[in-house]
Protein backbone atom coordinates (compact mmCIF):
# COMPACT_ATOMS: atom_id res chain seq x y z
CA UNK A 1 0.00 0.00 0.00
CA UNK A 2 1.26 3.46 -0.88
CA UNK A 3 0.94 6.17 1.77
CA UNK A 4 0.80 9.84 0.77
CA UNK A 5 1.16 12.30 3.64
CA UNK A 6 2.28 15.85 4.37
CA UNK A 7 1.45 17.32 0.97
CA UNK A 8 -1.50 18.73 -0.95
CA UNK A 9 0.45 18.46 -4.21
CA UNK A 10 -1.12 15.24 -5.46
CA UNK A 11 -1.78 14.48 -9.12
CA UNK A 12 -2.73 11.00 -10.28
CA UNK A 13 -2.70 9.95 -13.93
CA UNK A 14 -4.78 6.80 -13.42
CA UNK A 15 -8.45 6.25 -12.51
CA UNK A 16 -9.35 5.71 -8.87
CA UNK A 17 -12.17 4.48 -6.64
CA UNK A 18 -12.32 6.64 -3.51
CA UNK A 19 -13.88 6.66 -0.09
CA UNK A 20 -13.31 9.35 2.50
CA UNK A 21 -13.69 9.89 6.23
CA UNK A 22 -11.89 9.78 9.59
CA UNK A 23 -12.10 5.97 9.88
CA UNK A 24 -11.34 6.09 13.60
CA UNK A 25 -11.43 2.51 14.87
CA UNK A 26 -11.83 1.01 11.38
CA UNK A 27 -14.87 -0.81 12.74
CA UNK A 28 -17.13 -3.21 10.82
CA UNK A 29 -19.06 -0.31 9.27
CA UNK A 30 -15.85 1.16 7.84
CA UNK A 31 -14.81 -2.29 6.65
CA UNK A 32 -18.15 -2.68 4.82
CA UNK A 33 -17.61 0.68 3.10
CA UNK A 34 -14.14 -0.23 1.85
CA UNK A 35 -15.21 -3.77 0.90
CA UNK A 36 -18.17 -2.43 -1.13
CA UNK A 37 -15.88 0.00 -2.93
CA UNK A 38 -13.42 -2.76 -3.79
CA UNK A 39 -16.16 -5.07 -5.06
CA UNK A 40 -17.89 -2.46 -7.25
CA UNK A 41 -15.00 -0.51 -8.80
CA UNK A 42 -13.71 -1.24 -12.28
CA UNK A 43 -10.55 -3.38 -12.40
CA UNK A 44 -8.36 -0.52 -13.61
CA UNK A 45 -9.36 1.74 -10.71
CA UNK A 46 -7.01 1.92 -7.72
CA UNK A 47 -8.69 1.79 -4.30
CA UNK A 48 -7.97 5.07 -2.48
CA UNK A 49 -8.86 5.97 1.10
CA UNK A 50 -8.82 9.73 1.72
CA UNK A 51 -8.52 10.93 5.30
CA UNK A 52 -6.99 13.89 7.08
CA UNK A 53 -3.68 13.58 8.93
CA UNK A 54 -5.39 14.96 12.05
CA UNK A 55 -9.02 15.17 13.08
CA UNK A 56 -10.43 18.49 11.79
CA UNK A 57 -12.17 19.11 15.13
CA UNK A 58 -8.90 18.52 17.01
CA UNK A 59 -7.03 20.88 14.68
CA UNK A 60 -9.60 23.65 15.07
CA UNK A 61 -9.81 23.21 18.86
CA UNK A 62 -6.05 23.03 19.23
CA UNK A 63 -6.34 19.90 21.39
CA UNK A 64 -5.38 16.28 20.66
CA UNK A 65 -8.51 14.14 20.59
CA UNK A 66 -8.27 10.60 22.01
CA UNK A 67 -8.45 8.04 19.20
CA UNK A 68 -9.51 4.42 18.84
CA UNK A 69 -6.80 3.68 16.29
CA UNK A 70 -3.43 5.38 16.00
CA UNK A 71 -2.06 6.45 12.65
CA UNK A 72 0.19 3.37 12.53
CA UNK A 73 -2.65 0.97 13.40
CA UNK A 74 -4.91 2.50 10.79
CA UNK A 75 -2.24 2.07 8.12
CA UNK A 76 -1.67 -1.57 9.06
CA UNK A 77 -5.38 -2.41 9.04
CA UNK A 78 -6.03 -0.71 5.71
CA UNK A 79 -3.12 -2.46 4.07
CA UNK A 80 -4.50 -5.80 5.30
CA UNK A 81 -7.87 -4.87 3.72
CA UNK A 82 -6.27 -4.42 0.31
CA UNK A 83 -6.31 -0.60 0.05
CA UNK A 84 -3.96 0.52 -2.73
CA UNK A 85 -3.36 4.12 -1.65
CA UNK A 86 -3.93 5.86 1.69
CA UNK A 87 -3.94 9.67 1.60
CA UNK A 88 -3.37 11.46 4.91
CA UNK A 89 -4.21 14.95 3.67
CA UNK A 90 -2.94 17.99 5.63
CA UNK A 91 -5.80 19.80 7.37
CA UNK A 92 -4.87 23.47 6.97
CA UNK A 93 -6.83 26.70 7.30
CA UNK A 94 -7.14 26.73 3.52
CA UNK A 95 -8.51 23.19 3.54
CA UNK A 96 -10.98 24.03 6.32
CA UNK A 97 -12.46 26.87 4.21
CA UNK A 98 -12.82 24.83 1.00
CA UNK A 99 -16.43 24.45 -0.11
CA UNK A 100 -17.90 21.01 -0.75
CA UNK A 101 -18.28 21.39 -4.52
CA UNK A 102 -14.79 22.87 -4.86
CA UNK A 103 -13.35 19.95 -2.88
CA UNK A 104 -15.22 17.49 -5.08
CA UNK A 105 -14.11 19.10 -8.34
CA UNK A 106 -10.57 20.20 -7.50
CA UNK A 107 -9.36 17.48 -5.15
CA UNK A 108 -11.34 14.29 -5.79
CA UNK A 109 -11.97 14.63 -9.53
CA UNK A 110 -9.10 16.74 -10.82
CA UNK A 111 -6.20 15.60 -8.62
CA UNK A 112 -7.26 12.06 -7.72
CA UNK A 113 -8.90 11.21 -11.07
CA UNK A 114 -11.83 9.73 -9.16
CA UNK A 115 -14.28 7.62 -11.17
CA UNK A 116 -16.10 5.85 -8.31
CA UNK A 117 -16.98 7.26 -4.88
CA UNK A 118 -18.34 5.30 -1.91
CA UNK A 119 -19.86 7.11 1.08
CA UNK A 120 -22.21 6.45 3.97
CA UNK A 121 -25.73 7.93 3.96
CA UNK A 122 -24.75 10.58 6.54
CA UNK A 123 -21.47 11.65 4.95
CA UNK A 124 -20.35 15.25 5.33
CA UNK A 125 -17.40 17.05 3.74
CA UNK A 126 -16.25 20.54 2.78
CA UNK A 127 -16.73 23.78 4.69
CA UNK A 128 -19.05 23.22 7.65
CA UNK A 129 -19.69 19.69 6.29
CA UNK A 130 -21.97 21.18 3.63
CA UNK A 131 -21.29 18.31 1.22
CA UNK A 132 -23.75 15.45 1.55
CA UNK A 133 -25.34 12.60 -0.39
CA UNK A 134 -27.87 14.97 -1.97
CA UNK A 135 -25.09 17.11 -3.47
CA UNK A 136 -23.17 14.04 -4.65
CA UNK A 137 -26.25 12.52 -6.30
CA UNK A 138 -27.07 15.79 -8.06
CA UNK A 139 -23.55 16.29 -9.46
CA UNK A 140 -22.80 12.64 -10.32
CA UNK A 141 -24.38 12.65 -13.85
CA UNK A 142 -22.90 16.06 -14.65
CA UNK A 143 -19.34 15.32 -13.46
CA UNK A 144 -19.20 11.70 -14.58
CA UNK A 145 -18.43 9.69 -11.46
CA UNK A 146 -20.29 6.68 -10.09
CA UNK A 147 -21.73 7.12 -6.59
CA UNK A 148 -22.16 4.23 -4.14
CA UNK A 149 -24.18 5.04 -1.02
CA UNK A 150 -23.42 2.23 1.43
CA UNK A 151 -25.94 1.60 4.19
CA UNK A 152 -24.71 1.47 7.78
CA UNK A 153 -23.70 -1.84 9.34
CA UNK A 154 -25.92 -2.85 12.25
CA UNK A 155 -25.57 -5.44 15.00
CA UNK A 156 -27.87 -8.45 15.01
CA UNK A 157 -28.27 -8.35 18.77
CA UNK A 158 -30.04 -4.99 19.01
CA UNK A 159 -30.25 -3.59 15.46
CA UNK A 160 -28.18 -0.56 16.41
CA UNK A 161 -25.82 1.14 13.97
CA UNK A 162 -22.10 0.44 14.39
CA UNK A 163 -20.23 3.73 14.71
CA UNK A 164 -17.02 5.11 16.20
CA UNK A 165 -19.02 6.93 18.87
CA UNK A 166 -20.70 3.66 19.86
CA UNK A 167 -17.32 1.92 20.14
CA UNK A 168 -16.11 4.74 22.41
CA UNK A 169 -19.27 4.45 24.50
CA UNK A 170 -18.74 0.71 25.07
CA UNK A 171 -15.04 1.22 25.76
CA UNK A 172 -15.71 3.85 28.43
CA UNK A 173 -18.27 1.47 30.00
CA UNK A 174 -15.63 -1.28 30.08
CA UNK A 175 -17.43 -3.77 27.82
CA UNK A 176 -14.37 -4.95 25.89
CA UNK A 177 -16.17 -7.98 24.45
CA UNK A 178 -18.77 -5.73 22.81
CA UNK A 179 -16.00 -3.40 21.60
CA UNK A 180 -14.27 -6.31 19.88
CA UNK A 181 -17.55 -7.44 18.29
CA UNK A 182 -18.14 -3.95 16.88
CA UNK A 183 -14.59 -3.71 15.56
CA UNK A 184 -14.29 -7.24 14.20
CA UNK A 185 -10.82 -7.59 15.74
CA UNK A 186 -9.14 -7.29 19.17
CA UNK A 187 -8.79 -3.75 20.52
CA UNK A 188 -5.10 -3.27 21.26
CA UNK A 189 -2.60 -0.82 22.73
CA UNK A 190 1.18 -0.54 22.67
CA UNK A 191 3.06 -1.12 25.92
CA UNK A 192 5.80 1.36 26.79
CA UNK A 193 8.31 -0.51 28.90
CA UNK A 194 9.12 -4.02 30.08
CA UNK A 195 10.57 -4.48 33.56
CA UNK A 196 13.71 -6.44 34.38
CA UNK A 197 11.77 -9.65 35.08
CA UNK A 198 10.58 -9.64 31.48
CA UNK A 199 7.01 -10.28 32.67
CA UNK A 200 5.53 -6.83 33.34
CA UNK A 201 4.67 -4.27 30.65
CA UNK A 202 3.66 -0.85 31.94
CA UNK A 203 2.40 2.51 30.68
CA UNK A 204 1.12 5.69 32.31
CA UNK A 205 -2.58 6.54 31.96
CA UNK A 206 -4.46 9.78 32.48
CA UNK A 207 -8.07 10.95 32.70
CA UNK A 208 -9.53 12.61 29.61
CA UNK A 209 -13.18 13.62 29.75
CA UNK A 210 -15.29 10.57 30.63
CA UNK A 211 -12.55 8.08 29.81
CA UNK A 212 -8.91 7.16 30.29
CA UNK A 213 -6.11 7.47 27.72
CA UNK A 214 -2.47 6.56 27.24
CA UNK A 215 0.09 8.29 25.05
CA UNK A 216 0.96 6.32 21.91
CA UNK A 217 3.64 8.48 20.29
CA UNK A 218 3.65 11.54 17.99
CA UNK A 219 1.16 13.41 20.18
CA UNK A 220 -1.44 10.64 19.84
CA UNK A 221 -3.59 9.59 22.80
CA UNK A 222 -5.50 6.34 22.66
CA UNK A 223 -8.70 5.68 24.59
CA UNK A 224 -8.46 2.71 26.96
CA UNK A 225 -10.77 0.80 29.28
CA UNK A 226 -11.73 2.07 32.74
CA UNK A 227 -9.86 0.81 35.83
CA UNK A 228 -10.24 -2.94 36.22
CA UNK A 229 -8.67 -6.29 35.30
CA UNK A 230 -8.89 -7.85 31.83
CA UNK A 231 -7.76 -10.98 30.03
CA UNK A 232 -5.30 -10.03 27.30
CA UNK A 233 -2.65 -11.34 24.96
CA UNK A 234 0.68 -9.74 24.07
CA UNK A 235 2.20 -9.84 20.62
CA UNK A 236 5.95 -9.60 20.17
CA UNK A 237 6.51 -9.81 16.44
CA UNK A 238 4.70 -12.93 15.25
CA UNK A 239 4.49 -14.56 18.70
CA UNK A 240 1.85 -14.01 21.35
CA UNK A 241 1.71 -14.62 25.09
CA UNK A 242 -1.27 -14.94 27.46
CA UNK A 243 -1.52 -12.16 30.02
CA UNK A 244 -3.65 -10.21 32.50
CA UNK A 245 -3.91 -6.44 32.11
CA UNK A 246 -4.68 -4.22 35.09
CA UNK A 247 -5.68 -0.60 34.70
CA UNK A 248 -5.11 1.13 38.01
CA UNK A 249 -6.37 4.52 39.16
CA UNK A 250 -3.71 6.21 41.30
CA UNK A 251 -5.52 9.55 41.67
CA UNK A 252 -8.45 11.45 40.17
CA UNK A 253 -6.41 12.29 37.07
CA UNK A 254 -3.61 9.70 36.90
CA UNK A 255 -3.42 5.95 36.50
CA UNK A 256 -1.27 3.12 35.27
CA UNK A 257 -1.61 0.19 32.90
CA UNK A 258 0.16 -3.00 33.99
CA UNK A 259 0.19 -6.15 31.89
CA UNK A 260 1.51 -9.31 33.56
CA UNK A 261 2.59 -12.18 31.32
CA UNK A 262 2.49 -15.86 32.18
CA UNK A 263 6.06 -16.30 30.95
CA UNK A 264 9.13 -14.17 30.43
CA UNK A 265 9.55 -12.39 27.11
CA UNK A 266 12.76 -11.23 25.49
CA UNK A 267 13.15 -7.57 26.49
CA UNK A 268 16.19 -6.46 24.50
CA UNK A 269 17.09 -6.37 20.82
CA UNK A 270 13.74 -7.72 19.65
CA UNK A 271 13.08 -4.78 17.33
CA UNK A 272 9.38 -4.95 18.29
CA UNK A 273 7.16 -2.93 20.61
CA UNK A 274 4.86 -5.13 22.73
CA UNK A 275 1.26 -4.91 21.49
CA UNK A 276 -1.46 -5.75 23.99
CA UNK A 277 -4.78 -7.10 22.74
CA UNK A 278 -7.65 -6.86 25.24
CA UNK A 279 -10.03 -9.83 25.28
CA UNK A 280 -12.50 -9.83 28.18
CA UNK A 281 -13.04 -8.57 31.70
CA UNK A 282 -11.25 -10.72 34.25
CA UNK A 283 -13.47 -12.33 36.87
CA UNK A 284 -11.65 -14.13 39.66
Foldseek 3Di string as FASTA:
>chain_A
DAEAEDDLPFADPFEAAEEEDACFLVWPQVLQQQVVSVVPDDPRHAYEYEYALAPPVCVVVVHHDATQADPVRVVVVVVVSPHDYYYHYYDDPVQQQFAPVCCCVPPCCGRNVYAHYEYEQAQFGGHVSPDGPVVCVVCCVVSHHHYHHDYFDADPVPRDGQDRVVLLVCQLVQFQQVNCVRRVHFRKAFFDAADPQQFKTKFKWWDDPSFIWTDRDPNHIHTGHPFAKFWKWKDQDPDIFTWIWGWADPDPTIIMIMIGTPDGDDHPPSPGTIMITTHGGDDD
